[in-house]
Amino acid sequence: MRPERGPHQATLMAWPTPTRKASSGAVFERAKQDCAAVARAMTAFEPVIMVCNPGEANEVRDRCGAAVEAHLANGAVVMPVWGKR
């Protein structure tokens, strides 16, 4: 990974995914709202790629906007994380 201040092509984010039974309800919904808000704000400065599970791409596009690229994980487990490419 490049240094935090260094140039990069995009920011990678992972869409919140319920990984256990407790990942539901108001707290989980707030996590999705916050994640979408961060992604939308970041698009003013650089491209954002949101990794998500199959079946979540439409939700990512709806919540994050067209400027955020929804990228399907295709079998990989999506964990909450972000990085730079």
Protein backbone atom coordinates (compact mmCIF):
# COMPACT_ATOMS: atom_id res chain seq x y z
CA MET A 1 0.00 0.00 0.00
CA ARG A 2 1.21 3.46 -0.83
CA PRO A 3 1.76 6.05 1.90
CA GLU A 4 -1.37 7.81 3.14
CA ARG A 5 -0.25 11.12 1.60
CA GLY A 6 0.99 9.59 -1.66
CA PRO A 7 -0.84 9.66 -4.97
CA HIS A 8 -3.19 6.79 -5.70
CA GLN A 9 -5.79 5.80 -8.28
CA ALA A 10 -8.81 5.23 -6.03
CA THR A 11 -10.02 4.40 -2.55
CA LEU A 12 -11.36 0.90 -1.95
CA MET A 13 -14.15 0.47 0.55
CA ALA A 14 -16.22 -2.53 1.61
CA TRP A 15 -19.98 -2.32 1.92
CA PRO A 16 -21.21 -3.33 5.41
CA THR A 17 -22.27 -6.95 5.31
CA PRO A 18 -24.09 -8.93 7.98
CA THR A 19 -21.51 -11.49 9.09
CA ARG A 20 -23.32 -12.61 12.22
CA LYS A 21 -26.85 -12.52 13.63
CA ALA A 22 -26.14 -9.34 15.60
CA SER A 23 -25.46 -7.46 12.35
CA SER A 24 -29.00 -6.27 11.84
CA GLY A 25 -31.46 -3.65 12.96
CA ALA A 26 -30.87 0.03 13.57
CA VAL A 27 -27.12 -0.21 14.23
CA PHE A 28 -26.50 -2.07 10.97
CA GLU A 29 -28.70 0.37 9.05
CA ARG A 30 -26.72 3.29 10.52
CA ALA A 31 -23.47 1.62 9.44
CA LYS A 32 -24.74 1.49 5.85
CA GLN A 33 -25.86 5.13 6.00
CA ASP A 34 -22.48 6.24 7.35
CA CYS A 35 -20.54 4.16 4.84
CA ALA A 36 -22.56 5.65 1.96
CA ALA A 37 -22.04 9.19 3.29
CA VAL A 38 -18.26 8.71 3.48
CA ALA A 39 -18.15 7.25 -0.03
CA ARG A 40 -20.22 10.10 -1.48
CA ALA A 41 -18.01 12.70 0.20
CA MET A 42 -14.82 11.08 -1.04
CA THR A 43 -15.96 11.13 -4.67
CA ALA A 44 -15.42 14.89 -4.67
CA PHE A 45 -11.69 14.20 -4.42
CA GLU A 46 -11.03 10.78 -5.99
CA PRO A 47 -12.71 7.68 -7.42
CA VAL A 48 -14.28 5.27 -4.92
CA ILE A 49 -14.68 1.54 -5.51
CA MET A 50 -17.09 -0.20 -3.15
CA VAL A 51 -16.58 -3.95 -2.88
CA CYS A 52 -19.83 -5.73 -2.16
CA ASN A 53 -21.38 -9.16 -2.22
CA PRO A 54 -23.52 -10.29 -5.16
CA GLY A 55 -27.04 -8.99 -4.63
CA GLU A 56 -25.85 -5.78 -2.91
CA ALA A 57 -24.70 -3.82 -5.98
CA ASN A 58 -28.06 -2.11 -6.54
CA GLU A 59 -28.21 -1.01 -2.89
CA VAL A 60 -24.67 0.36 -3.14
CA ARG A 61 -25.57 2.34 -6.27
CA ASP A 62 -28.82 3.60 -4.75
CA ARG A 63 -27.24 4.74 -1.49
CA CYS A 64 -23.81 5.89 -2.70
CA GLY A 65 -24.68 7.39 -6.07
CA ALA A 66 -23.46 6.80 -9.58
CA ALA A 67 -19.97 8.15 -8.86
CA VAL A 68 -19.19 5.14 -6.64
CA GLU A 69 -18.28 1.99 -8.55
CA ALA A 70 -19.89 -1.15 -7.12
CA HIS A 71 -17.46 -4.05 -7.52
CA LEU A 72 -18.70 -7.59 -6.82
CA ALA A 73 -16.60 -9.69 -4.48
CA ASN A 74 -17.63 -12.90 -6.34
CA GLY A 75 -17.22 -15.41 -3.55
CA ALA A 76 -14.72 -13.58 -1.37
CA VAL A 77 -15.92 -12.67 2.10
CA VAL A 78 -16.39 -8.91 2.36
CA MET A 79 -15.07 -7.56 5.64
CA PRO A 80 -15.28 -3.91 6.76
CA VAL A 81 -12.11 -2.30 5.42
CA TRP A 82 -10.79 0.37 3.11
CA GLY A 83 -7.54 0.92 1.30
CA LYS A 84 -5.99 2.59 -1.69
CA ARG A 85 -5.19 1.27 -5.14
